[in-house]
């Protein structure tokens, strides 16, 4: 069962993603800011970190960058409403491996599984 760290501050989106991922057979830990995401990611063994880019205390850009600076080599996926190419590029430059746009579409689970599969192959 793939293990996922979900960093999402919006309560509704967090519950919805947690439910969808759990129903798809994923084990999910949920945190509500980037600082907690960094701490939890460094402590745990996750197949992927789903990182909202706009969170309080520490945003996803800073959290992803800090994780990479601390040697985190796992998959980090930006989950963001900012799908402009410059914003997506900023997420990748921050240390994210890929991104999934909000609003979350029907293909979310399939897309995430493909990202995890690519990460394990690479």
PDB file of N, CA and C in Angstrom:
ATOM      1  N   UNK A   1       0.843  -1.168   0.000  1.00  0.00           N
ATOM      2  CA  UNK A   1       0.000   0.000   0.000  1.00  0.00           C
ATOM      3  C   UNK A   1       0.899   1.245   0.000  1.00  0.00           C
ATOM      4  N   UNK A   2       0.794   2.099  -1.021  1.00  0.00           N
ATOM      5  CA  UNK A   2       1.611   3.310  -1.063  1.00  0.00           C
ATOM      6  C   UNK A   2       1.304   4.239   0.108  1.00  0.00           C
ATOM      7  N   UNK A   3       2.351   4.832   0.638  1.00  0.00           N
ATOM      8  CA  UNK A   3       2.242   5.726   1.776  1.00  0.00           C
ATOM      9  C   UNK A   3       2.418   7.169   1.306  1.00  0.00           C
ATOM     10  N   UNK A   4       1.489   8.035   1.717  1.00  0.00           N
ATOM     11  CA  UNK A   4       1.477   9.409   1.229  1.00  0.00           C
ATOM     12  C   UNK A   4       1.449  10.380   2.400  1.00  0.00           C
ATOM     13  N   UNK A   5       2.275  11.419   2.305  1.00  0.00           N
ATOM     14  CA  UNK A   5       2.190  12.551   3.219  1.00  0.00           C
ATOM     15  C   UNK A   5       1.473  13.666   2.476  1.00  0.00           C
ATOM     16  N   UNK A   6       0.330  14.075   2.995  1.00  0.00           N
ATOM     17  CA  UNK A   6      -0.473  15.126   2.399  1.00  0.00           C
ATOM     18  C   UNK A   6      -0.298  16.401   3.213  1.00  0.00           C
ATOM     19  N   UNK A   7       0.270  17.434   2.595  1.00  0.00           N
ATOM     20  CA  UNK A   7       0.430  18.732   3.236  1.00  0.00           C
ATOM     21  C   UNK A   7      -0.580  19.689   2.608  1.00  0.00           C
ATOM     22  N   UNK A   8      -1.671  19.932   3.317  1.00  0.00           N
ATOM     23  CA  UNK A   8      -2.786  20.736   2.793  1.00  0.00           C
ATOM     24  C   UNK A   8      -3.461  21.449   3.951  1.00  0.00           C
ATOM     25  N   UNK A   9      -3.533  22.782   3.879  1.00  0.00           N
ATOM     26  CA  UNK A   9      -4.117  23.549   4.977  1.00  0.00           C
ATOM     27  C   UNK A   9      -5.625  23.731   4.863  1.00  0.00           C
ATOM     28  N   UNK A  10      -6.186  23.582   3.675  1.00  0.00           N
ATOM     29  CA  UNK A  10      -7.630  23.737   3.515  1.00  0.00           C
ATOM     30  C   UNK A  10      -8.321  22.479   4.047  1.00  0.00           C
ATOM     31  N   UNK A  11      -9.158  22.644   5.069  1.00  0.00           N
ATOM     32  CA  UNK A  11      -9.781  21.499   5.729  1.00  0.00           C
ATOM     33  C   UNK A  11     -10.614  20.651   4.769  1.00  0.00           C
ATOM     34  N   UNK A  12     -11.431  21.295   3.934  1.00  0.00           N
ATOM     35  CA  UNK A  12     -12.282  20.556   3.010  1.00  0.00           C
ATOM     36  C   UNK A  12     -11.447  19.775   1.995  1.00  0.00           C
ATOM     37  N   UNK A  13     -10.478  20.443   1.381  1.00  0.00           N
ATOM     38  CA  UNK A  13      -9.630  19.766   0.386  1.00  0.00           C
ATOM     39  C   UNK A  13      -8.849  18.641   1.048  1.00  0.00           C
ATOM     40  N   UNK A  14      -8.328  18.885   2.237  1.00  0.00           N
ATOM     41  CA  UNK A  14      -7.576  17.854   2.953  1.00  0.00           C
ATOM     42  C   UNK A  14      -8.412  16.617   3.229  1.00  0.00           C
ATOM     43  N   UNK A  15      -9.649  16.823   3.704  1.00  0.00           N
ATOM     44  CA  UNK A  15     -10.527  15.676   3.983  1.00  0.00           C
ATOM     45  C   UNK A  15     -10.893  14.943   2.700  1.00  0.00           C
ATOM     46  N   UNK A  16     -11.180  15.711   1.640  1.00  0.00           N
ATOM     47  CA  UNK A  16     -11.562  15.104   0.363  1.00  0.00           C
ATOM     48  C   UNK A  16     -10.410  14.264  -0.209  1.00  0.00           C
ATOM     49  N   UNK A  17      -9.202  14.824  -0.206  1.00  0.00           N
ATOM     50  CA  UNK A  17      -8.059  14.082  -0.736  1.00  0.00           C
ATOM     51  C   UNK A  17      -7.741  12.872   0.129  1.00  0.00           C
ATOM     52  N   UNK A  18      -7.815  13.041   1.435  1.00  0.00           N
ATOM     53  CA  UNK A  18      -7.562  11.926   2.342  1.00  0.00           C
ATOM     54  C   UNK A  18      -8.541  10.785   2.063  1.00  0.00           C
ATOM     55  N   UNK A  19      -9.819  11.121   1.898  1.00  0.00           N
ATOM     56  CA  UNK A  19     -10.828  10.103   1.604  1.00  0.00           C
ATOM     57  C   UNK A  19     -10.564   9.428   0.268  1.00  0.00           C
ATOM     58  N   UNK A  20     -10.330  10.223  -0.771  1.00  0.00           N
ATOM     59  CA  UNK A  20     -10.101   9.644  -2.099  1.00  0.00           C
ATOM     60  C   UNK A  20      -8.858   8.749  -2.108  1.00  0.00           C
ATOM     61  N   UNK A  21      -7.801   9.195  -1.467  1.00  0.00           N
ATOM     62  CA  UNK A  21      -6.567   8.403  -1.439  1.00  0.00           C
ATOM     63  C   UNK A  21      -6.747   7.130  -0.617  1.00  0.00           C
ATOM     64  N   UNK A  22      -7.429   7.243   0.506  1.00  0.00           N
ATOM     65  CA  UNK A  22      -7.678   6.067   1.348  1.00  0.00           C
ATOM     66  C   UNK A  22      -8.522   5.038   0.609  1.00  0.00           C
ATOM     67  N   UNK A  23      -9.562   5.501  -0.096  1.00  0.00           N
ATOM     68  CA  UNK A  23     -10.402   4.588  -0.869  1.00  0.00           C
ATOM     69  C   UNK A  23      -9.643   3.923  -2.006  1.00  0.00           C
ATOM     70  N   UNK A  24      -8.552   4.566  -2.449  1.00  0.00           N
ATOM     71  CA  UNK A  24      -7.719   3.997  -3.514  1.00  0.00           C
ATOM     72  C   UNK A  24      -6.630   3.084  -2.973  1.00  0.00           C
ATOM     73  N   UNK A  25      -6.632   2.857  -1.658  1.00  0.00           N
ATOM     74  CA  UNK A  25      -5.678   1.933  -1.075  1.00  0.00           C
ATOM     75  C   UNK A  25      -4.390   2.561  -0.578  1.00  0.00           C
ATOM     76  N   UNK A  26      -4.341   3.881  -0.503  1.00  0.00           N
ATOM     77  CA  UNK A  26      -3.154   4.563  -0.006  1.00  0.00           C
ATOM     78  C   UNK A  26      -3.257   4.770   1.498  1.00  0.00           C
ATOM     79  N   UNK A  27      -2.125   4.733   2.161  1.00  0.00           N
ATOM     80  CA  UNK A  27      -2.032   5.108   3.563  1.00  0.00           C
ATOM     81  C   UNK A  27      -1.669   6.591   3.594  1.00  0.00           C
ATOM     82  N   UNK A  28      -2.442   7.417   4.320  1.00  0.00           N
ATOM     83  CA  UNK A  28      -2.271   8.866   4.264  1.00  0.00           C
ATOM     84  C   UNK A  28      -2.021   9.450   5.645  1.00  0.00           C
ATOM     85  N   UNK A  29      -0.971  10.266   5.762  1.00  0.00           N
ATOM     86  CA  UNK A  29      -0.748  11.129   6.911  1.00  0.00           C
ATOM     87  C   UNK A  29      -0.988  12.543   6.426  1.00  0.00           C
ATOM     88  N   UNK A  30      -1.696  13.345   7.225  1.00  0.00           N
ATOM     89  CA  UNK A  30      -2.084  14.689   6.806  1.00  0.00           C
ATOM     90  C   UNK A  30      -1.519  15.719   7.777  1.00  0.00           C
ATOM     91  N   UNK A  31      -0.849  16.734   7.229  1.00  0.00           N
ATOM     92  CA  UNK A  31      -0.374  17.876   8.002  1.00  0.00           C
ATOM     93  C   UNK A  31      -0.922  19.147   7.366  1.00  0.00           C
ATOM     94  N   UNK A  32      -0.915  20.258   8.136  1.00  0.00           N
ATOM     95  CA  UNK A  32      -1.598  21.460   7.668  1.00  0.00           C
ATOM     96  C   UNK A  32      -0.677  22.641   7.368  1.00  0.00           C
ATOM     97  N   UNK A  33       0.637  22.424   7.398  1.00  0.00           N
ATOM     98  CA  UNK A  33       1.548  23.491   6.998  1.00  0.00           C
ATOM     99  C   UNK A  33       2.888  22.902   6.572  1.00  0.00           C
ATOM    100  N   UNK A  34       3.691  23.738   5.930  1.00  0.00           N
ATOM    101  CA  UNK A  34       4.959  23.272   5.384  1.00  0.00           C
ATOM    102  C   UNK A  34       5.968  22.856   6.429  1.00  0.00           C
ATOM    103  N   UNK A  35       5.968  23.527   7.561  1.00  0.00           N
ATOM    104  CA  UNK A  35       6.914  23.168   8.622  1.00  0.00           C
ATOM    105  C   UNK A  35       6.657  21.751   9.111  1.00  0.00           C
ATOM    106  N   UNK A  36       5.385  21.429   9.346  1.00  0.00           N
ATOM    107  CA  UNK A  36       5.034  20.062   9.756  1.00  0.00           C
ATOM    108  C   UNK A  36       5.339  19.061   8.650  1.00  0.00           C
ATOM    109  N   UNK A  37       5.164  19.469   7.390  1.00  0.00           N
ATOM    110  CA  UNK A  37       5.467  18.581   6.268  1.00  0.00           C
ATOM    111  C   UNK A  37       6.947  18.216   6.253  1.00  0.00           C
ATOM    112  N   UNK A  38       7.810  19.196   6.478  1.00  0.00           N
ATOM    113  CA  UNK A  38       9.254  18.932   6.505  1.00  0.00           C
ATOM    114  C   UNK A  38       9.578  17.958   7.631  1.00  0.00           C
ATOM    115  N   UNK A  39       9.074  18.235   8.818  1.00  0.00           N
ATOM    116  CA  UNK A  39       9.355  17.370   9.971  1.00  0.00           C
ATOM    117  C   UNK A  39       8.885  15.944   9.722  1.00  0.00           C
ATOM    118  N   UNK A  40       7.657  15.806   9.258  1.00  0.00           N
ATOM    119  CA  UNK A  40       7.059  14.477   9.060  1.00  0.00           C
ATOM    120  C   UNK A  40       7.755  13.719   7.921  1.00  0.00           C
ATOM    121  N   UNK A  41       8.067  14.424   6.826  1.00  0.00           N
ATOM    122  CA  UNK A  41       8.722  13.770   5.684  1.00  0.00           C
ATOM    123  C   UNK A  41      10.096  13.230   6.077  1.00  0.00           C
ATOM    124  N   UNK A  42      10.819  13.993   6.880  1.00  0.00           N
ATOM    125  CA  UNK A  42      12.157  13.560   7.292  1.00  0.00           C
ATOM    126  C   UNK A  42      12.101  12.411   8.291  1.00  0.00           C
ATOM    127  N   UNK A  43      10.995  12.300   9.029  1.00  0.00           N
ATOM    128  CA  UNK A  43      10.819  11.216   9.998  1.00  0.00           C
ATOM    129  C   UNK A  43      10.304   9.937   9.354  1.00  0.00           C
ATOM    130  N   UNK A  44       9.473  10.083   8.315  1.00  0.00           N
ATOM    131  CA  UNK A  44       8.747   8.948   7.759  1.00  0.00           C
ATOM    132  C   UNK A  44       9.381   8.362   6.523  1.00  0.00           C
ATOM    133  N   UNK A  45       8.697   7.368   5.996  1.00  0.00           N
ATOM    134  CA  UNK A  45       9.129   6.696   4.782  1.00  0.00           C
ATOM    135  C   UNK A  45       7.941   6.710   3.816  1.00  0.00           C
ATOM    136  N   UNK A  46       7.817   7.809   3.063  1.00  0.00           N
ATOM    137  CA  UNK A  46       6.655   8.003   2.201  1.00  0.00           C
ATOM    138  C   UNK A  46       7.003   7.731   0.744  1.00  0.00           C
ATOM    139  N   UNK A  47       6.024   7.189   0.026  1.00  0.00           N
ATOM    140  CA  UNK A  47       6.186   7.014  -1.419  1.00  0.00           C
ATOM    141  C   UNK A  47       6.110   8.357  -2.122  1.00  0.00           C
ATOM    142  N   UNK A  48       5.341   9.277  -1.554  1.00  0.00           N
ATOM    143  CA  UNK A  48       5.198  10.603  -2.163  1.00  0.00           C
ATOM    144  C   UNK A  48       4.724  11.601  -1.112  1.00  0.00           C
ATOM    145  N   UNK A  49       5.183  12.843  -1.281  1.00  0.00           N
ATOM    146  CA  UNK A  49       4.677  13.961  -0.492  1.00  0.00           C
ATOM    147  C   UNK A  49       3.845  14.824  -1.432  1.00  0.00           C
ATOM    148  N   UNK A  50       2.565  14.998  -1.104  1.00  0.00           N
ATOM    149  CA  UNK A  50       1.694  15.898  -1.856  1.00  0.00           C
ATOM    150  C   UNK A  50       1.731  17.239  -1.139  1.00  0.00           C
ATOM    151  N   UNK A  51       2.248  18.269  -1.809  1.00  0.00           N
ATOM    152  CA  UNK A  51       2.545  19.534  -1.160  1.00  0.00           C
ATOM    153  C   UNK A  51       1.726  20.676  -1.752  1.00  0.00           C
ATOM    154  N   UNK A  52       0.795  21.190  -0.952  1.00  0.00           N
ATOM    155  CA  UNK A  52       0.111  22.422  -1.328  1.00  0.00           C
ATOM    156  C   UNK A  52       1.176  23.521  -1.340  1.00  0.00           C
ATOM    157  N   UNK A  53       1.119  24.404  -2.301  1.00  0.00           N
ATOM    158  CA  UNK A  53       2.140  25.448  -2.401  1.00  0.00           C
ATOM    159  C   UNK A  53       1.832  26.670  -1.556  1.00  0.00           C
ATOM    160  N   UNK A  54       0.574  26.856  -1.177  1.00  0.00           N
ATOM    161  CA  UNK A  54       0.175  28.049  -0.425  1.00  0.00           C
ATOM    162  C   UNK A  54      -0.396  27.628   0.925  1.00  0.00           C
ATOM    163  N   UNK A  55       0.489  27.585   1.938  1.00  0.00           N
ATOM    164  CA  UNK A  55       0.083  27.196   3.286  1.00  0.00           C
ATOM    165  C   UNK A  55       0.645  28.201   4.290  1.00  0.00           C
ATOM    166  N   UNK A  56       0.058  28.231   5.483  1.00  0.00           N
ATOM    167  CA  UNK A  56       0.585  29.119   6.525  1.00  0.00           C
ATOM    168  C   UNK A  56       1.867  28.558   7.145  1.00  0.00           C
ATOM    169  N   UNK A  57       2.510  29.368   7.915  1.00  0.00           N
ATOM    170  CA  UNK A  57       3.733  29.075   8.664  1.00  0.00           C
ATOM    171  C   UNK A  57       4.914  28.874   7.720  1.00  0.00           C
ATOM    172  N   UNK A  58       4.811  27.938   6.790  1.00  0.00           N
ATOM    173  CA  UNK A  58       5.834  27.735   5.754  1.00  0.00           C
ATOM    174  C   UNK A  58       5.118  27.251   4.503  1.00  0.00           C
ATOM    175  N   UNK A  59       5.320  27.960   3.388  1.00  0.00           N
ATOM    176  CA  UNK A  59       4.632  27.545   2.164  1.00  0.00           C
ATOM    177  C   UNK A  59       5.306  26.320   1.544  1.00  0.00           C
ATOM    178  N   UNK A  60       4.663  25.761   0.556  1.00  0.00           N
ATOM    179  CA  UNK A  60       5.162  24.542  -0.066  1.00  0.00           C
ATOM    180  C   UNK A  60       6.474  24.721  -0.815  1.00  0.00           C
ATOM    181  N   UNK A  61       6.692  25.904  -1.373  1.00  0.00           N
ATOM    182  CA  UNK A  61       7.959  26.166  -2.066  1.00  0.00           C
ATOM    183  C   UNK A  61       9.129  26.072  -1.093  1.00  0.00           C
ATOM    184  N   UNK A  62       8.993  26.747   0.037  1.00  0.00           N
ATOM    185  CA  UNK A  62      10.050  26.730   1.051  1.00  0.00           C
ATOM    186  C   UNK A  62      10.223  25.335   1.630  1.00  0.00           C
ATOM    187  N   UNK A  63       9.102  24.647   1.879  1.00  0.00           N
ATOM    188  CA  UNK A  63       9.166  23.302   2.446  1.00  0.00           C
ATOM    189  C   UNK A  63       9.875  22.328   1.506  1.00  0.00           C
ATOM    190  N   UNK A  64       9.526  22.367   0.222  1.00  0.00           N
ATOM    191  CA  UNK A  64      10.177  21.476  -0.752  1.00  0.00           C
ATOM    192  C   UNK A  64      11.669  21.786  -0.849  1.00  0.00           C
ATOM    193  N   UNK A  65      12.006  23.056  -0.894  1.00  0.00           N
ATOM    194  CA  UNK A  65      13.405  23.466  -0.976  1.00  0.00           C
ATOM    195  C   UNK A  65      14.181  23.005   0.261  1.00  0.00           C
ATOM    196  N   UNK A  66      13.585  23.183   1.427  1.00  0.00           N
ATOM    197  CA  UNK A  66      14.233  22.768   2.669  1.00  0.00           C
ATOM    198  C   UNK A  66      14.416  21.256   2.725  1.00  0.00           C
ATOM    199  N   UNK A  67      13.405  20.515   2.269  1.00  0.00           N
ATOM    200  CA  UNK A  67      13.542  19.056   2.221  1.00  0.00           C
ATOM    201  C   UNK A  67      14.721  18.653   1.336  1.00  0.00           C
ATOM    202  N   UNK A  68      14.823  19.246   0.168  1.00  0.00           N
ATOM    203  CA  UNK A  68      15.940  18.907  -0.731  1.00  0.00           C
ATOM    204  C   UNK A  68      17.279  19.304  -0.119  1.00  0.00           C
ATOM    205  N   UNK A  69      17.322  20.475   0.533  1.00  0.00           N
ATOM    206  CA  UNK A  69      18.560  20.918   1.199  1.00  0.00           C
ATOM    207  C   UNK A  69      18.990  19.953   2.290  1.00  0.00           C
ATOM    208  N   UNK A  70      18.017  19.298   2.904  1.00  0.00           N
ATOM    209  CA  UNK A  70      18.309  18.346   3.984  1.00  0.00           C
ATOM    210  C   UNK A  70      18.488  16.923   3.472  1.00  0.00           C
ATOM    211  N   UNK A  71      18.560  16.756   2.157  1.00  0.00           N
ATOM    212  CA  UNK A  71      18.869  15.461   1.572  1.00  0.00           C
ATOM    213  C   UNK A  71      17.683  14.564   1.283  1.00  0.00           C
ATOM    214  N   UNK A  72      16.472  15.084   1.391  1.00  0.00           N
ATOM    215  CA  UNK A  72      15.292  14.269   1.109  1.00  0.00           C
ATOM    216  C   UNK A  72      15.262  13.927  -0.377  1.00  0.00           C
ATOM    217  N   UNK A  73      15.204  12.633  -0.692  1.00  0.00           N
ATOM    218  CA  UNK A  73      15.255  12.212  -2.094  1.00  0.00           C
ATOM    219  C   UNK A  73      13.940  11.624  -2.592  1.00  0.00           C
ATOM    220  N   UNK A  74      12.911  11.627  -1.754  1.00  0.00           N
ATOM    221  CA  UNK A  74      11.621  11.082  -2.147  1.00  0.00           C
ATOM    222  C   UNK A  74      10.890  11.982  -3.135  1.00  0.00           C
ATOM    223  N   UNK A  75       9.780  11.483  -3.632  1.00  0.00           N
ATOM    224  CA  UNK A  75       8.970  12.213  -4.612  1.00  0.00           C
ATOM    225  C   UNK A  75       8.171  13.295  -3.899  1.00  0.00           C
ATOM    226  N   UNK A  76       8.248  14.518  -4.425  1.00  0.00           N
ATOM    227  CA  UNK A  76       7.439  15.626  -3.928  1.00  0.00           C
ATOM    228  C   UNK A  76       6.605  16.129  -5.101  1.00  0.00           C
ATOM    229  N   UNK A  77       5.293  16.177  -4.903  1.00  0.00           N
ATOM    230  CA  UNK A  77       4.376  16.632  -5.947  1.00  0.00           C
ATOM    231  C   UNK A  77       3.650  17.875  -5.460  1.00  0.00           C
ATOM    232  N   UNK A  78       3.794  18.964  -6.201  1.00  0.00           N
ATOM    233  CA  UNK A  78       3.065  20.190  -5.888  1.00  0.00           C
ATOM    234  C   UNK A  78       1.599  19.996  -6.250  1.00  0.00           C
ATOM    235  N   UNK A  79       0.724  20.387  -5.347  1.00  0.00           N
ATOM    236  CA  UNK A  79      -0.711  20.391  -5.620  1.00  0.00           C
ATOM    237  C   UNK A  79      -1.129  21.842  -5.488  1.00  0.00           C
ATOM    238  N   UNK A  80      -1.423  22.464  -6.632  1.00  0.00           N
ATOM    239  CA  UNK A  80      -1.592  23.908  -6.618  1.00  0.00           C
ATOM    240  C   UNK A  80      -2.668  24.394  -7.571  1.00  0.00           C
ATOM    241  N   UNK A  81      -3.300  25.475  -7.193  1.00  0.00           N
ATOM    242  CA  UNK A  81      -4.272  26.127  -8.063  1.00  0.00           C
ATOM    243  C   UNK A  81      -3.572  27.004  -9.094  1.00  0.00           C
ATOM    244  N   UNK A  82      -2.289  27.249  -8.891  1.00  0.00           N
ATOM    245  CA  UNK A  82      -1.508  28.077  -9.808  1.00  0.00           C
ATOM    246  C   UNK A  82      -0.930  27.195 -10.905  1.00  0.00           C
ATOM    247  N   UNK A  83      -1.634  27.093 -12.024  1.00  0.00           N
ATOM    248  CA  UNK A  83      -1.186  26.206 -13.101  1.00  0.00           C
ATOM    249  C   UNK A  83      -0.500  26.978 -14.225  1.00  0.00           C
ATOM    250  N   UNK A  84      -0.251  28.265 -14.008  1.00  0.00           N
ATOM    251  CA  UNK A  84       0.501  29.029 -15.003  1.00  0.00           C
ATOM    252  C   UNK A  84       1.893  28.412 -15.101  1.00  0.00           C
ATOM    253  N   UNK A  85       2.485  28.413 -16.269  1.00  0.00           N
ATOM    254  CA  UNK A  85       3.774  27.750 -16.459  1.00  0.00           C
ATOM    255  C   UNK A  85       4.850  28.316 -15.547  1.00  0.00           C
ATOM    256  N   UNK A  86       4.814  29.623 -15.264  1.00  0.00           N
ATOM    257  CA  UNK A  86       5.812  30.215 -14.368  1.00  0.00           C
ATOM    258  C   UNK A  86       5.655  29.667 -12.956  1.00  0.00           C
ATOM    259  N   UNK A  87       4.411  29.497 -12.493  1.00  0.00           N
ATOM    260  CA  UNK A  87       4.177  28.962 -11.158  1.00  0.00           C
ATOM    261  C   UNK A  87       4.547  27.489 -11.078  1.00  0.00           C
ATOM    262  N   UNK A  88       4.231  26.737 -12.111  1.00  0.00           N
ATOM    263  CA  UNK A  88       4.613  25.328 -12.149  1.00  0.00           C
ATOM    264  C   UNK A  88       6.125  25.203 -12.165  1.00  0.00           C
ATOM    265  N   UNK A  89       6.771  26.066 -12.932  1.00  0.00           N
ATOM    266  CA  UNK A  89       8.234  26.076 -12.981  1.00  0.00           C
ATOM    267  C   UNK A  89       8.839  26.415 -11.635  1.00  0.00           C
ATOM    268  N   UNK A  90       8.210  27.328 -10.906  1.00  0.00           N
ATOM    269  CA  UNK A  90       8.690  27.690  -9.569  1.00  0.00           C
ATOM    270  C   UNK A  90       8.603  26.493  -8.627  1.00  0.00           C
ATOM    271  N   UNK A  91       7.527  25.722  -8.729  1.00  0.00           N
ATOM    272  CA  UNK A  91       7.377  24.531  -7.889  1.00  0.00           C
ATOM    273  C   UNK A  91       8.474  23.511  -8.205  1.00  0.00           C
ATOM    274  N   UNK A  92       8.747  23.308  -9.480  1.00  0.00           N
ATOM    275  CA  UNK A  92       9.807  22.377  -9.881  1.00  0.00           C
ATOM    276  C   UNK A  92      11.164  22.893  -9.407  1.00  0.00           C
ATOM    277  N   UNK A  93      11.408  24.190  -9.574  1.00  0.00           N
ATOM    278  CA  UNK A  93      12.676  24.789  -9.133  1.00  0.00           C
ATOM    279  C   UNK A  93      12.843  24.692  -7.617  1.00  0.00           C
ATOM    280  N   UNK A  94      11.735  24.663  -6.882  1.00  0.00           N
ATOM    281  CA  UNK A  94      11.785  24.557  -5.424  1.00  0.00           C
ATOM    282  C   UNK A  94      12.158  23.148  -4.965  1.00  0.00           C
ATOM    283  N   UNK A  95      12.059  22.178  -5.861  1.00  0.00           N
ATOM    284  CA  UNK A  95      12.406  20.807  -5.502  1.00  0.00           C
ATOM    285  C   UNK A  95      11.321  19.796  -5.753  1.00  0.00           C
ATOM    286  N   UNK A  96      10.167  20.248  -6.254  1.00  0.00           N
ATOM    287  CA  UNK A  96       9.092  19.303  -6.570  1.00  0.00           C
ATOM    288  C   UNK A  96       9.432  18.541  -7.845  1.00  0.00           C
ATOM    289  N   UNK A  97       9.011  17.295  -7.898  1.00  0.00           N
ATOM    290  CA  UNK A  97       9.266  16.455  -9.061  1.00  0.00           C
ATOM    291  C   UNK A  97       8.201  16.621 -10.137  1.00  0.00           C
ATOM    292  N   UNK A  98       7.009  17.012  -9.723  1.00  0.00           N
ATOM    293  CA  UNK A  98       5.880  17.123 -10.640  1.00  0.00           C
ATOM    294  C   UNK A  98       4.829  17.980  -9.959  1.00  0.00           C
ATOM    295  N   UNK A  99       3.731  18.227 -10.643  1.00  0.00           N
ATOM    296  CA  UNK A  99       2.636  18.977 -10.039  1.00  0.00           C
ATOM    297  C   UNK A  99       1.302  18.456 -10.550  1.00  0.00           C
ATOM    298  N   UNK A 100       0.300  18.627  -9.722  1.00  0.00           N
ATOM    299  CA  UNK A 100      -1.077  18.284 -10.066  1.00  0.00           C
ATOM    300  C   UNK A 100      -1.911  19.534  -9.794  1.00  0.00           C
ATOM    301  N   UNK A 101      -2.674  19.988 -10.789  1.00  0.00           N
ATOM    302  CA  UNK A 101      -3.434  21.227 -10.596  1.00  0.00           C
ATOM    303  C   UNK A 101      -4.707  21.029  -9.774  1.00  0.00           C
ATOM    304  N   UNK A 102      -5.080  22.111  -9.090  1.00  0.00           N
ATOM    305  CA  UNK A 102      -6.405  22.205  -8.467  1.00  0.00           C
ATOM    306  C   UNK A 102      -7.257  23.021  -9.417  1.00  0.00           C
ATOM    307  N   UNK A 103      -8.541  22.803  -9.506  1.00  0.00           N
ATOM    308  CA  UNK A 103      -9.273  21.812  -8.710  1.00  0.00           C
ATOM    309  C   UNK A 103      -8.887  20.388  -9.111  1.00  0.00           C
ATOM    310  N   UNK A 104      -8.984  19.503  -8.151  1.00  0.00           N
ATOM    311  CA  UNK A 104      -8.616  18.102  -8.350  1.00  0.00           C
ATOM    312  C   UNK A 104      -9.606  17.452  -9.313  1.00  0.00           C
ATOM    313  N   UNK A 105      -9.070  16.830 -10.358  1.00  0.00           N
ATOM    314  CA  UNK A 105      -9.914  16.206 -11.370  1.00  0.00           C
ATOM    315  C   UNK A 105     -10.195  14.746 -11.097  1.00  0.00           C
ATOM    316  N   UNK A 106     -11.009  14.175 -11.963  1.00  0.00           N
ATOM    317  CA  UNK A 106     -11.376  12.758 -11.851  1.00  0.00           C
ATOM    318  C   UNK A 106     -10.179  11.830 -12.043  1.00  0.00           C
ATOM    319  N   UNK A 107      -9.129  12.318 -12.722  1.00  0.00           N
ATOM    320  CA  UNK A 107      -7.960  11.490 -13.013  1.00  0.00           C
ATOM    321  C   UNK A 107      -6.875  11.611 -11.949  1.00  0.00           C
ATOM    322  N   UNK A 108      -7.171  12.237 -10.821  1.00  0.00           N
ATOM    323  CA  UNK A 108      -6.175  12.499  -9.782  1.00  0.00           C
ATOM    324  C   UNK A 108      -5.446  11.230  -9.342  1.00  0.00           C
ATOM    325  N   UNK A 109      -6.196  10.199  -8.951  1.00  0.00           N
ATOM    326  CA  UNK A 109      -5.570   8.975  -8.445  1.00  0.00           C
ATOM    327  C   UNK A 109      -4.705   8.307  -9.515  1.00  0.00           C
ATOM    328  N   UNK A 110      -5.196   8.282 -10.750  1.00  0.00           N
ATOM    329  CA  UNK A 110      -4.431   7.676 -11.841  1.00  0.00           C
ATOM    330  C   UNK A 110      -3.140   8.454 -12.077  1.00  0.00           C
ATOM    331  N   UNK A 111      -3.254   9.759 -12.104  1.00  0.00           N
ATOM    332  CA  UNK A 111      -2.072  10.591 -12.334  1.00  0.00           C
ATOM    333  C   UNK A 111      -1.054  10.409 -11.208  1.00  0.00           C
ATOM    334  N   UNK A 112      -1.524  10.373  -9.968  1.00  0.00           N
ATOM    335  CA  UNK A 112      -0.627  10.187  -8.833  1.00  0.00           C
ATOM    336  C   UNK A 112       0.056   8.824  -8.895  1.00  0.00           C
ATOM    337  N   UNK A 113      -0.695   7.779  -9.218  1.00  0.00           N
ATOM    338  CA  UNK A 113      -0.105   6.443  -9.329  1.00  0.00           C
ATOM    339  C   UNK A 113       0.967   6.399 -10.419  1.00  0.00           C
ATOM    340  N   UNK A 114       0.749   7.115 -11.520  1.00  0.00           N
ATOM    341  CA  UNK A 114       1.755   7.179 -12.589  1.00  0.00           C
ATOM    342  C   UNK A 114       3.016   7.892 -12.112  1.00  0.00           C
ATOM    343  N   UNK A 115       2.860   8.959 -11.345  1.00  0.00           N
ATOM    344  CA  UNK A 115       4.014   9.689 -10.808  1.00  0.00           C
ATOM    345  C   UNK A 115       4.799   8.797  -9.852  1.00  0.00           C
ATOM    346  N   UNK A 116       4.101   8.078  -8.984  1.00  0.00           N
ATOM    347  CA  UNK A 116       4.773   7.175  -8.042  1.00  0.00           C
ATOM    348  C   UNK A 116       5.505   6.075  -8.799  1.00  0.00           C
ATOM    349  N   UNK A 117       4.875   5.515  -9.810  1.00  0.00           N
ATOM    350  CA  UNK A 117       5.502   4.449 -10.609  1.00  0.00           C
ATOM    351  C   UNK A 117       6.764   4.954 -11.297  1.00  0.00           C
ATOM    352  N   UNK A 118       6.677   6.144 -11.915  1.00  0.00           N
ATOM    353  CA  UNK A 118       7.854   6.732 -12.563  1.00  0.00           C
ATOM    354  C   UNK A 118       8.983   6.971 -11.575  1.00  0.00           C
ATOM    355  N   UNK A 119       8.627   7.424 -10.380  1.00  0.00           N
ATOM    356  CA  UNK A 119       9.631   7.689  -9.345  1.00  0.00           C
ATOM    357  C   UNK A 119      10.342   6.433  -8.895  1.00  0.00           C
ATOM    358  N   UNK A 120       9.618   5.347  -8.813  1.00  0.00           N
ATOM    359  CA  UNK A 120      10.231   4.077  -8.387  1.00  0.00           C
ATOM    360  C   UNK A 120      11.102   3.496  -9.497  1.00  0.00           C
ATOM    361  N   UNK A 121      10.751   3.765 -10.756  1.00  0.00           N
ATOM    362  CA  UNK A 121      11.544   3.268 -11.883  1.00  0.00           C
ATOM    363  C   UNK A 121      12.815   4.076 -12.083  1.00  0.00           C
ATOM    364  N   UNK A 122      12.732   5.382 -11.753  1.00  0.00           N
ATOM    365  CA  UNK A 122      13.845   6.295 -12.015  1.00  0.00           C
ATOM    366  C   UNK A 122      14.844   6.263 -10.941  1.00  0.00           C
TER     367      UNK A 122
END
